[in-house]
Amino acid sequence: HIYVGKDATYCLEADLHNQKVILNYCSATIEFQRWKIGQINLEHL
């Protein structure tokens, strides 16, 4: 998940129908809120 801001209320979500990236309440069950990033520095994260 990509969290927005400090409180982690909102996450970035893929609106595939309109080809947009939008905010929505973070949820463990919404697959559209899961993202893959090219290269990750695990030590920092």
All heavy atoms as atom14 arrays in JSON, in Angstrom:
{
  "sequence": "HIYVGKDATYCLEADLHNQKVILNYCSATIEFQRWKIGQINLEHL",
  "atom14_mask": [
    [1, 1, 1, 1, 1, 1, 1, 1, 1, 1, 0, 0, 0, 0],
    [1, 1, 1, 1, 1, 1, 1, 1, 0, 0, 0, 0, 0, 0],
    [1, 1, 1, 1, 1, 1, 1, 1, 1, 1, 1, 1, 0, 0],
    [1, 1, 1, 1, 1, 1, 1, 0, 0, 0, 0, 0, 0, 0],
    [1, 1, 1, 1, 0, 0, 0, 0, 0, 0, 0, 0, 0, 0],
    [1, 1, 1, 1, 1, 1, 1, 1, 1, 0, 0, 0, 0, 0],
    [1, 1, 1, 1, 1, 1, 1, 1, 0, 0, 0, 0, 0, 0],
    [1, 1, 1, 1, 1, 0, 0, 0, 0, 0, 0, 0, 0, 0],
    [1, 1, 1, 1, 1, 1, 1, 0, 0, 0, 0, 0, 0, 0],
    [1, 1, 1, 1, 1, 1, 1, 1, 1, 1, 1, 1, 0, 0],
    [1, 1, 1, 1, 1, 1, 0, 0, 0, 0, 0, 0, 0, 0],
    [1, 1, 1, 1, 1, 1, 1, 1, 0, 0, 0, 0, 0, 0],
    [1, 1, 1, 1, 1, 1, 1, 1, 1, 0, 0, 0, 0, 0],
    [1, 1, 1, 1, 1, 0, 0, 0, 0, 0, 0, 0, 0, 0],
    [1, 1, 1, 1, 1, 1, 1, 1, 0, 0, 0, 0, 0, 0],
    [1, 1, 1, 1, 1, 1, 1, 1, 0, 0, 0, 0, 0, 0],
    [1, 1, 1, 1, 1, 1, 1, 1, 1, 1, 0, 0, 0, 0],
    [1, 1, 1, 1, 1, 1, 1, 1, 0, 0, 0, 0, 0, 0],
    [1, 1, 1, 1, 1, 1, 1, 1, 1, 0, 0, 0, 0, 0],
    [1, 1, 1, 1, 1, 1, 1, 1, 1, 0, 0, 0, 0, 0],
    [1, 1, 1, 1, 1, 1, 1, 0, 0, 0, 0, 0, 0, 0],
    [1, 1, 1, 1, 1, 1, 1, 1, 0, 0, 0, 0, 0, 0],
    [1, 1, 1, 1, 1, 1, 1, 1, 0, 0, 0, 0, 0, 0],
    [1, 1, 1, 1, 1, 1, 1, 1, 0, 0, 0, 0, 0, 0],
    [1, 1, 1, 1, 1, 1, 1, 1, 1, 1, 1, 1, 0, 0],
    [1, 1, 1, 1, 1, 1, 0, 0, 0, 0, 0, 0, 0, 0],
    [1, 1, 1, 1, 1, 1, 0, 0, 0, 0, 0, 0, 0, 0],
    [1, 1, 1, 1, 1, 0, 0, 0, 0, 0, 0, 0, 0, 0],
    [1, 1, 1, 1, 1, 1, 1, 0, 0, 0, 0, 0, 0, 0],
    [1, 1, 1, 1, 1, 1, 1, 1, 0, 0, 0, 0, 0, 0],
    [1, 1, 1, 1, 1, 1, 1, 1, 1, 0, 0, 0, 0, 0],
    [1, 1, 1, 1, 1, 1, 1, 1, 1, 1, 1, 0, 0, 0],
    [1, 1, 1, 1, 1, 1, 1, 1, 1, 0, 0, 0, 0, 0],
    [1, 1, 1, 1, 1, 1, 1, 1, 1, 1, 1, 0, 0, 0],
    [1, 1, 1, 1, 1, 1, 1, 1, 1, 1, 1, 1, 1, 1],
    [1, 1, 1, 1, 1, 1, 1, 1, 1, 0, 0, 0, 0, 0],
    [1, 1, 1, 1, 1, 1, 1, 1, 0, 0, 0, 0, 0, 0],
    [1, 1, 1, 1, 0, 0, 0, 0, 0, 0, 0, 0, 0, 0],
    [1, 1, 1, 1, 1, 1, 1, 1, 1, 0, 0, 0, 0, 0],
    [1, 1, 1, 1, 1, 1, 1, 1, 0, 0, 0, 0, 0, 0],
    [1, 1, 1, 1, 1, 1, 1, 1, 0, 0, 0, 0, 0, 0],
    [1, 1, 1, 1, 1, 1, 1, 1, 0, 0, 0, 0, 0, 0],
    [1, 1, 1, 1, 1, 1, 1, 1, 1, 0, 0, 0, 0, 0],
    [1, 1, 1, 1, 1, 1, 1, 1, 1, 1, 0, 0, 0, 0],
    [1, 1, 1, 1, 1, 1, 1, 1, 0, 0, 0, 0, 0, 0]
  ],
  "atom14_positions": [
    [[0.83, -1.2, 0.0], [0.0, 0.0, 0.0], [0.87, 1.26, 0.0], [1.97, 1.26, 0.57], [-0.91, 0.03, 1.23], [-2.06, -0.91, 1.14], [-1.92, -2.27, 1.28], [-3.39, -0.69, 0.94], [-3.11, -2.86, 1.15], [-4.01, -1.93, 0.94], [0.0, 0.0, 0.0], [0.0, 0.0, 0.0], [0.0, 0.0, 0.0], [0.0, 0.0, 0.0]],
    [[0.36, 2.31, -0.64], [0.99, 3.63, -0.59], [0.09, 4.52, 0.26], [-1.03, 4.85, -0.15], [1.19, 4.23, -1.98], [2.1, 3.34, -2.84], [1.79, 5.64, -1.88], [2.27, 3.81, -4.27], [0.0, 0.0, 0.0], [0.0, 0.0, 0.0], [0.0, 0.0, 0.0], [0.0, 0.0, 0.0], [0.0, 0.0, 0.0], [0.0, 0.0, 0.0]],
    [[0.56, 4.88, 1.43], [-0.22, 5.69, 2.36], [-0.04, 7.18, 2.07], [1.05, 7.62, 1.69], [0.19, 5.4, 3.8], [-0.17, 4.01, 4.27], [0.73, 2.96, 4.14], [-1.41, 3.76, 4.83], [0.39, 1.68, 4.56], [-1.76, 2.49, 5.25], [-0.85, 1.46, 5.11], [-1.19, 0.2, 5.54], [0.0, 0.0, 0.0], [0.0, 0.0, 0.0]],
    [[-1.1, 7.93, 2.29], [-1.09, 9.38, 2.06], [-1.03, 10.08, 3.42], [-1.88, 9.86, 4.28], [-2.35, 9.83, 1.3], [-2.33, 11.33, 1.08], [-2.45, 9.09, -0.03], [0.0, 0.0, 0.0], [0.0, 0.0, 0.0], [0.0, 0.0, 0.0], [0.0, 0.0, 0.0], [0.0, 0.0, 0.0], [0.0, 0.0, 0.0], [0.0, 0.0, 0.0]],
    [[-0.03, 10.93, 3.61], [0.06, 11.71, 4.84], [0.51, 10.9, 6.03], [0.98, 9.76, 5.92], [0.0, 0.0, 0.0], [0.0, 0.0, 0.0], [0.0, 0.0, 0.0], [0.0, 0.0, 0.0], [0.0, 0.0, 0.0], [0.0, 0.0, 0.0], [0.0, 0.0, 0.0], [0.0, 0.0, 0.0], [0.0, 0.0, 0.0], [0.0, 0.0, 0.0]],
    [[0.36, 11.48, 7.22], [0.87, 10.88, 8.45], [-0.1, 9.89, 9.09], [0.32, 8.92, 9.72], [1.2, 11.98, 9.46], [2.38, 12.85, 9.07], [2.66, 13.87, 10.15], [3.88, 14.71, 9.79], [4.18, 15.72, 10.84], [0.0, 0.0, 0.0], [0.0, 0.0, 0.0], [0.0, 0.0, 0.0], [0.0, 0.0, 0.0], [0.0, 0.0, 0.0]],
    [[-1.4, 10.13, 8.94], [-2.35, 9.33, 9.72], [-2.77, 8.03, 9.06], [-3.47, 7.21, 9.65], [-3.57, 10.16, 10.08], [-4.32, 10.65, 8.85], [-3.94, 10.26, 7.72], [-5.28, 11.44, 9.02], [0.0, 0.0, 0.0], [0.0, 0.0, 0.0], [0.0, 0.0, 0.0], [0.0, 0.0, 0.0], [0.0, 0.0, 0.0], [0.0, 0.0, 0.0]],
    [[-2.36, 7.81, 7.82], [-2.66, 6.56, 7.1], [-4.14, 6.29, 6.97], [-4.58, 5.14, 6.94], [-1.96, 5.39, 7.78], [0.0, 0.0, 0.0], [0.0, 0.0, 0.0], [0.0, 0.0, 0.0], [0.0, 0.0, 0.0], [0.0, 0.0, 0.0], [0.0, 0.0, 0.0], [0.0, 0.0, 0.0], [0.0, 0.0, 0.0], [0.0, 0.0, 0.0]],
    [[-4.93, 7.35, 6.9], [-6.37, 7.17, 6.66], [-6.63, 6.82, 5.21], [-7.48, 5.97, 4.9], [-7.14, 8.45, 7.03], [-6.92, 8.76, 8.4], [-8.62, 8.3, 6.78], [0.0, 0.0, 0.0], [0.0, 0.0, 0.0], [0.0, 0.0, 0.0], [0.0, 0.0, 0.0], [0.0, 0.0, 0.0], [0.0, 0.0, 0.0], [0.0, 0.0, 0.0]],
    [[-5.9, 7.5, 4.31], [-6.11, 7.3, 2.88], [-4.93, 6.59, 2.22], [-3.78, 6.76, 2.62], [-6.33, 8.64, 2.18], [-7.64, 9.32, 2.54], [-7.67, 10.34, 3.49], [-8.84, 8.92, 1.94], [-8.88, 10.96, 3.82], [-10.04, 9.53, 2.27], [-10.05, 10.56, 3.21], [-11.24, 11.15, 3.54], [0.0, 0.0, 0.0], [0.0, 0.0, 0.0]],
    [[-5.27, 5.81, 1.2], [-4.27, 5.14, 0.38], [-4.52, 5.46, -1.09], [-5.63, 5.88, -1.47], [-4.34, 3.62, 0.59], [-3.69, 3.05, 2.18], [0.0, 0.0, 0.0], [0.0, 0.0, 0.0], [0.0, 0.0, 0.0], [0.0, 0.0, 0.0], [0.0, 0.0, 0.0], [0.0, 0.0, 0.0], [0.0, 0.0, 0.0], [0.0, 0.0, 0.0]],
    [[-3.48, 5.27, -1.9], [-3.65, 5.46, -3.34], [-4.29, 4.22, -3.94], [-3.95, 3.09, -3.6], [-2.29, 5.72, -3.99], [-1.55, 6.98, -3.53], [-0.33, 7.22, -4.41], [-2.47, 8.21, -3.56], [0.0, 0.0, 0.0], [0.0, 0.0, 0.0], [0.0, 0.0, 0.0], [0.0, 0.0, 0.0], [0.0, 0.0, 0.0], [0.0, 0.0, 0.0]],
    [[-5.24, 4.47, -4.85], [-6.01, 3.37, -5.44], [-6.06, 3.54, -6.96], [-6.18, 4.67, -7.47], [-7.42, 3.38, -4.85], [-8.31, 2.25, -5.36], [-9.64, 2.2, -4.59], [-9.59, 2.14, -3.36], [-10.7, 2.25, -5.25], [0.0, 0.0, 0.0], [0.0, 0.0, 0.0], [0.0, 0.0, 0.0], [0.0, 0.0, 0.0], [0.0, 0.0, 0.0]],
    [[-5.98, 2.46, -7.67], [-6.05, 2.48, -9.14], [-7.51, 2.47, -9.59], [-8.25, 1.54, -9.29], [-5.31, 1.29, -9.71], [0.0, 0.0, 0.0], [0.0, 0.0, 0.0], [0.0, 0.0, 0.0], [0.0, 0.0, 0.0], [0.0, 0.0, 0.0], [0.0, 0.0, 0.0], [0.0, 0.0, 0.0], [0.0, 0.0, 0.0], [0.0, 0.0, 0.0]],
    [[-7.9, 3.54, -10.29], [-9.21, 3.59, -10.93], [-8.97, 3.19, -12.39], [-8.76, 4.06, -13.25], [-9.8, 5.0, -10.81], [-11.15, 5.13, -11.5], [-11.59, 4.16, -12.14], [-11.75, 6.23, -11.43], [0.0, 0.0, 0.0], [0.0, 0.0, 0.0], [0.0, 0.0, 0.0], [0.0, 0.0, 0.0], [0.0, 0.0, 0.0], [0.0, 0.0, 0.0]],
    [[-8.97, 1.89, -12.64], [-8.58, 1.39, -13.96], [-9.57, 1.79, -15.04], [-9.19, 1.99, -16.21], [-8.45, -0.14, -13.92], [-7.34, -0.68, -12.98], [-7.38, -2.2, -12.97], [-5.98, -0.18, -13.44], [0.0, 0.0, 0.0], [0.0, 0.0, 0.0], [0.0, 0.0, 0.0], [0.0, 0.0, 0.0], [0.0, 0.0, 0.0], [0.0, 0.0, 0.0]],
    [[-10.84, 1.94, -14.68], [-11.85, 2.29, -15.67], [-11.58, 3.68, -16.25], [-11.71, 3.89, -17.46], [-13.24, 2.24, -15.05], [-14.34, 2.62, -15.98], [-14.74, 1.81, -17.03], [-15.12, 3.75, -16.05], [-15.71, 2.41, -17.7], [-15.96, 3.59, -17.12], [0.0, 0.0, 0.0], [0.0, 0.0, 0.0], [0.0, 0.0, 0.0], [0.0, 0.0, 0.0]],
    [[-11.22, 4.63, -15.39], [-10.96, 6.01, -15.85], [-9.49, 6.33, -15.99], [-9.12, 7.47, -16.28], [-11.6, 7.0, -14.87], [-13.1, 6.89, -14.83], [-13.77, 7.08, -15.84], [-13.65, 6.58, -13.66], [0.0, 0.0, 0.0], [0.0, 0.0, 0.0], [0.0, 0.0, 0.0], [0.0, 0.0, 0.0], [0.0, 0.0, 0.0], [0.0, 0.0, 0.0]],
    [[-8.63, 5.3, -15.77], [-7.17, 5.46, -15.84], [-6.7, 6.61, -14.95], [-5.92, 7.46, -15.36], [-6.7, 5.65, -17.29], [-6.78, 4.37, -18.12], [-5.95, 4.45, -19.37], [-6.17, 5.31, -20.22], [-4.99, 3.54, -19.49], [0.0, 0.0, 0.0], [0.0, 0.0, 0.0], [0.0, 0.0, 0.0], [0.0, 0.0, 0.0], [0.0, 0.0, 0.0]],
    [[-7.18, 6.6, -13.71], [-6.79, 7.62, -12.75], [-6.19, 6.96, -11.5], [-6.46, 5.79, -11.21], [-8.0, 8.47, -12.32], [-8.58, 9.34, -13.42], [-9.76, 10.13, -12.88], [-10.34, 11.05, -13.95], [-11.5, 11.84, -13.43], [0.0, 0.0, 0.0], [0.0, 0.0, 0.0], [0.0, 0.0, 0.0], [0.0, 0.0, 0.0], [0.0, 0.0, 0.0]],
    [[-5.39, 7.73, -10.79], [-4.94, 7.34, -9.46], [-5.69, 8.22, -8.47], [-5.62, 9.45, -8.54], [-3.42, 7.53, -9.28], [-2.99, 7.03, -7.9], [-2.65, 6.81, -10.37], [0.0, 0.0, 0.0], [0.0, 0.0, 0.0], [0.0, 0.0, 0.0], [0.0, 0.0, 0.0], [0.0, 0.0, 0.0], [0.0, 0.0, 0.0], [0.0, 0.0, 0.0]],
    [[-6.44, 7.62, -7.56], [-7.29, 8.38, -6.65], [-7.0, 8.01, -5.2], [-6.3, 7.04, -4.92], [-8.79, 8.14, -6.95], [-9.13, 6.66, -6.75], [-9.13, 8.61, -8.37], [-10.62, 6.36, -6.85], [0.0, 0.0, 0.0], [0.0, 0.0, 0.0], [0.0, 0.0, 0.0], [0.0, 0.0, 0.0], [0.0, 0.0, 0.0], [0.0, 0.0, 0.0]],
    [[-7.56, 8.78, -4.29], [-7.5, 8.47, -2.87], [-8.73, 7.67, -2.47], [-9.83, 7.9, -3.0], [-7.46, 9.75, -2.04], [-6.09, 10.33, -1.66], [-5.34, 10.73, -2.92], [-6.25, 11.54, -0.75], [0.0, 0.0, 0.0], [0.0, 0.0, 0.0], [0.0, 0.0, 0.0], [0.0, 0.0, 0.0], [0.0, 0.0, 0.0], [0.0, 0.0, 0.0]],
    [[-8.53, 6.75, -1.54], [-9.65, 6.05, -0.93], [-9.22, 5.6, 0.46], [-8.04, 5.53, 0.77], [-10.08, 4.84, -1.77], [-11.49, 4.4, -1.45], [-12.16, 4.95, -0.56], [-11.97, 3.38, -2.15], [0.0, 0.0, 0.0], [0.0, 0.0, 0.0], [0.0, 0.0, 0.0], [0.0, 0.0, 0.0], [0.0, 0.0, 0.0], [0.0, 0.0, 0.0]],
    [[-10.21, 5.32, 1.32], [-9.89, 4.84, 2.65], [-9.07, 3.55, 2.55], [-9.41, 2.66, 1.78], [-11.16, 4.59, 3.46], [-11.88, 5.86, 3.86], [-13.07, 6.23, 3.26], [-11.33, 6.68, 4.85], [-13.72, 7.4, 3.63], [-11.97, 7.85, 5.23], [-13.17, 8.21, 4.61], [-13.8, 9.38, 4.97], [0.0, 0.0, 0.0], [0.0, 0.0, 0.0]],
    [[-8.01, 3.48, 3.32], [-7.13, 2.31, 3.26], [-7.88, 1.05, 3.69], [-8.62, 1.05, 4.68], [-5.92, 2.51, 4.18], [-4.86, 3.89, 3.69], [0.0, 0.0, 0.0], [0.0, 0.0, 0.0], [0.0, 0.0, 0.0], [0.0, 0.0, 0.0], [0.0, 0.0, 0.0], [0.0, 0.0, 0.0], [0.0, 0.0, 0.0], [0.0, 0.0, 0.0]],
    [[-7.69, -0.01, 2.94], [-8.38, -1.27, 3.24], [-7.49, -2.44, 2.84], [-6.84, -2.41, 1.79], [-9.71, -1.34, 2.49], [-10.27, -2.64, 2.6], [0.0, 0.0, 0.0], [0.0, 0.0, 0.0], [0.0, 0.0, 0.0], [0.0, 0.0, 0.0], [0.0, 0.0, 0.0], [0.0, 0.0, 0.0], [0.0, 0.0, 0.0], [0.0, 0.0, 0.0]],
    [[-7.48, -3.47, 3.69], [-6.69, -4.66, 3.39], [-7.34, -5.52, 2.32], [-6.69, -6.43, 1.78], [-6.51, -5.49, 4.66], [0.0, 0.0, 0.0], [0.0, 0.0, 0.0], [0.0, 0.0, 0.0], [0.0, 0.0, 0.0], [0.0, 0.0, 0.0], [0.0, 0.0, 0.0], [0.0, 0.0, 0.0], [0.0, 0.0, 0.0], [0.0, 0.0, 0.0]],
    [[-8.6, -5.27, 2.0], [-9.33, -6.14, 1.07], [-9.47, -5.55, -0.34], [-9.97, -6.22, -1.23], [-10.74, -6.43, 1.63], [-11.45, -5.19, 1.77], [-10.64, -7.12, 2.98], [0.0, 0.0, 0.0], [0.0, 0.0, 0.0], [0.0, 0.0, 0.0], [0.0, 0.0, 0.0], [0.0, 0.0, 0.0], [0.0, 0.0, 0.0], [0.0, 0.0, 0.0]],
    [[-9.05, -4.3, -0.55], [-9.17, -3.69, -1.87], [-7.89, -3.92, -2.66], [-6.84, -3.32, -2.36], [-9.47, -2.18, -1.76], [-10.79, -1.95, -1.01], [-9.53, -1.55, -3.14], [-11.15, -0.47, -0.84], [0.0, 0.0, 0.0], [0.0, 0.0, 0.0], [0.0, 0.0, 0.0], [0.0, 0.0, 0.0], [0.0, 0.0, 0.0], [0.0, 0.0, 0.0]],
    [[-7.94, -4.81, -3.64], [-6.76, -5.15, -4.43], [-6.24, -3.97, -5.23], [-5.04, -3.89, -5.54], [-7.09, -6.31, -5.37], [-7.24, -7.65, -4.67], [-5.94, -8.08, -4.0], [-4.87, -8.05, -4.65], [-5.98, -8.43, -2.8], [0.0, 0.0, 0.0], [0.0, 0.0, 0.0], [0.0, 0.0, 0.0], [0.0, 0.0, 0.0], [0.0, 0.0, 0.0]],
    [[-7.12, -3.04, -5.57], [-6.7, -1.9, -6.39], [-5.78, -0.94, -5.63], [-5.25, 0.0, -6.2], [-7.94, -1.14, -6.89], [-8.83, -1.95, -7.79], [-9.99, -2.53, -7.31], [-8.47, -2.15, -9.12], [-10.81, -3.28, -8.15], [-9.29, -2.89, -9.96], [-10.45, -3.47, -9.47], [0.0, 0.0, 0.0], [0.0, 0.0, 0.0], [0.0, 0.0, 0.0]],
    [[-5.6, -1.18, -4.33], [-4.72, -0.32, -3.53], [-3.31, -0.9, -3.4], [-2.5, -0.36, -2.65], [-5.32, -0.1, -2.13], [-6.58, 0.75, -2.15], [-7.12, 1.01, -0.75], [-6.54, 0.59, 0.24], [-8.24, 1.71, -0.68], [0.0, 0.0, 0.0], [0.0, 0.0, 0.0], [0.0, 0.0, 0.0], [0.0, 0.0, 0.0], [0.0, 0.0, 0.0]],
    [[-3.01, -1.95, -4.12], [-1.68, -2.57, -4.02], [-0.84, -2.21, -5.23], [-1.31, -2.26, -6.37], [-1.85, -4.1, -3.87], [-2.64, -4.48, -2.62], [-2.93, -5.97, -2.54], [-1.7, -6.75, -2.37], [-1.29, -7.68, -3.21], [-2.03, -7.97, -4.29], [-0.17, -8.34, -2.99], [0.0, 0.0, 0.0], [0.0, 0.0, 0.0], [0.0, 0.0, 0.0]],
    [[0.44, -1.84, -4.94], [1.32, -1.3, -5.98], [2.69, -1.98, -5.95], [3.18, -2.38, -4.9], [1.51, 0.2, -5.8], [0.22, 0.96, -5.81], [-0.55, 1.27, -4.73], [-0.45, 1.48, -6.95], [-1.67, 1.97, -5.13], [-1.63, 2.13, -6.49], [-0.17, 1.51, -8.32], [-2.51, 2.77, -7.35], [-1.05, 2.15, -9.18], [-2.22, 2.76, -8.7]],
    [[3.29, -2.06, -7.1], [4.65, -2.57, -7.24], [5.55, -1.44, -7.71], [5.18, -0.68, -8.6], [4.68, -3.71, -8.28], [6.08, -4.26, -8.55], [6.04, -5.31, -9.66], [7.45, -5.79, -9.98], [7.45, -6.78, -11.1], [0.0, 0.0, 0.0], [0.0, 0.0, 0.0], [0.0, 0.0, 0.0], [0.0, 0.0, 0.0], [0.0, 0.0, 0.0]],
    [[6.72, -1.31, -7.07], [7.67, -0.26, -7.44], [8.94, -0.92, -7.97], [9.39, -1.94, -7.44], [8.0, 0.64, -6.23], [6.72, 1.23, -5.65], [8.93, 1.77, -6.65], [6.94, 2.06, -4.42], [0.0, 0.0, 0.0], [0.0, 0.0, 0.0], [0.0, 0.0, 0.0], [0.0, 0.0, 0.0], [0.0, 0.0, 0.0], [0.0, 0.0, 0.0]],
    [[9.54, -0.3, -8.98], [10.68, -0.88, -9.69], [11.79, -1.39, -8.79], [12.08, -2.59, -8.75], [0.0, 0.0, 0.0], [0.0, 0.0, 0.0], [0.0, 0.0, 0.0], [0.0, 0.0, 0.0], [0.0, 0.0, 0.0], [0.0, 0.0, 0.0], [0.0, 0.0, 0.0], [0.0, 0.0, 0.0], [0.0, 0.0, 0.0], [0.0, 0.0, 0.0]],
    [[12.45, -0.51, -8.05], [13.56, -0.91, -7.19], [13.3, -0.37, -5.79], [12.95, 0.8, -5.62], [14.88, -0.38, -7.72], [15.25, -0.91, -9.1], [16.56, -0.35, -9.61], [17.25, 0.37, -8.9], [16.89, -0.68, -10.84], [0.0, 0.0, 0.0], [0.0, 0.0, 0.0], [0.0, 0.0, 0.0], [0.0, 0.0, 0.0], [0.0, 0.0, 0.0]],
    [[13.51, -1.21, -4.77], [13.2, -0.84, -3.4], [14.45, -0.99, -2.52], [15.16, -1.99, -2.61], [12.06, -1.72, -2.83], [10.79, -1.51, -3.65], [11.8, -1.39, -1.36], [9.66, -2.45, -3.26], [0.0, 0.0, 0.0], [0.0, 0.0, 0.0], [0.0, 0.0, 0.0], [0.0, 0.0, 0.0], [0.0, 0.0, 0.0], [0.0, 0.0, 0.0]],
    [[14.69, 0.02, -1.69], [15.78, -0.03, -0.72], [15.21, -0.53, 0.61], [14.7, 0.25, 1.41], [16.4, 1.37, -0.56], [17.68, 1.35, 0.25], [17.82, 0.56, 1.17], [18.6, 2.24, -0.1], [0.0, 0.0, 0.0], [0.0, 0.0, 0.0], [0.0, 0.0, 0.0], [0.0, 0.0, 0.0], [0.0, 0.0, 0.0], [0.0, 0.0, 0.0]],
    [[15.26, -1.83, 0.8], [14.62, -2.44, 1.97], [15.2, -1.92, 3.28], [14.49, -1.81, 4.28], [14.76, -3.96, 1.9], [13.96, -4.66, 0.79], [14.29, -6.14, 0.76], [12.47, -4.44, 0.99], [0.0, 0.0, 0.0], [0.0, 0.0, 0.0], [0.0, 0.0, 0.0], [0.0, 0.0, 0.0], [0.0, 0.0, 0.0], [0.0, 0.0, 0.0]],
    [[16.47, -1.61, 3.3], [17.1, -1.13, 4.52], [16.46, 0.16, 5.0], [16.25, 0.38, 6.19], [18.59, -0.91, 4.28], [19.39, -0.49, 5.51], [19.41, -1.58, 6.57], [19.27, -2.76, 6.21], [19.57, -1.24, 7.76], [0.0, 0.0, 0.0], [0.0, 0.0, 0.0], [0.0, 0.0, 0.0], [0.0, 0.0, 0.0], [0.0, 0.0, 0.0]],
    [[16.12, 1.05, 4.04], [15.49, 2.32, 4.4], [14.02, 2.16, 4.79], [13.49, 2.91, 5.59], [15.59, 3.31, 3.22], [16.93, 3.97, 3.13], [17.95, 3.69, 3.98], [17.39, 4.92, 2.28], [19.0, 4.41, 3.66], [18.7, 5.17, 2.64], [0.0, 0.0, 0.0], [0.0, 0.0, 0.0], [0.0, 0.0, 0.0], [0.0, 0.0, 0.0]],
    [[13.37, 1.18, 4.2], [11.93, 1.06, 4.39], [11.52, 0.2, 5.59], [10.38, 0.26, 6.03], [11.29, 0.45, 3.13], [11.02, 1.43, 1.99], [10.58, 0.65, 0.75], [9.96, 2.44, 2.36], [0.0, 0.0, 0.0], [0.0, 0.0, 0.0], [0.0, 0.0, 0.0], [0.0, 0.0, 0.0], [0.0, 0.0, 0.0], [0.0, 0.0, 0.0]]
  ]
}
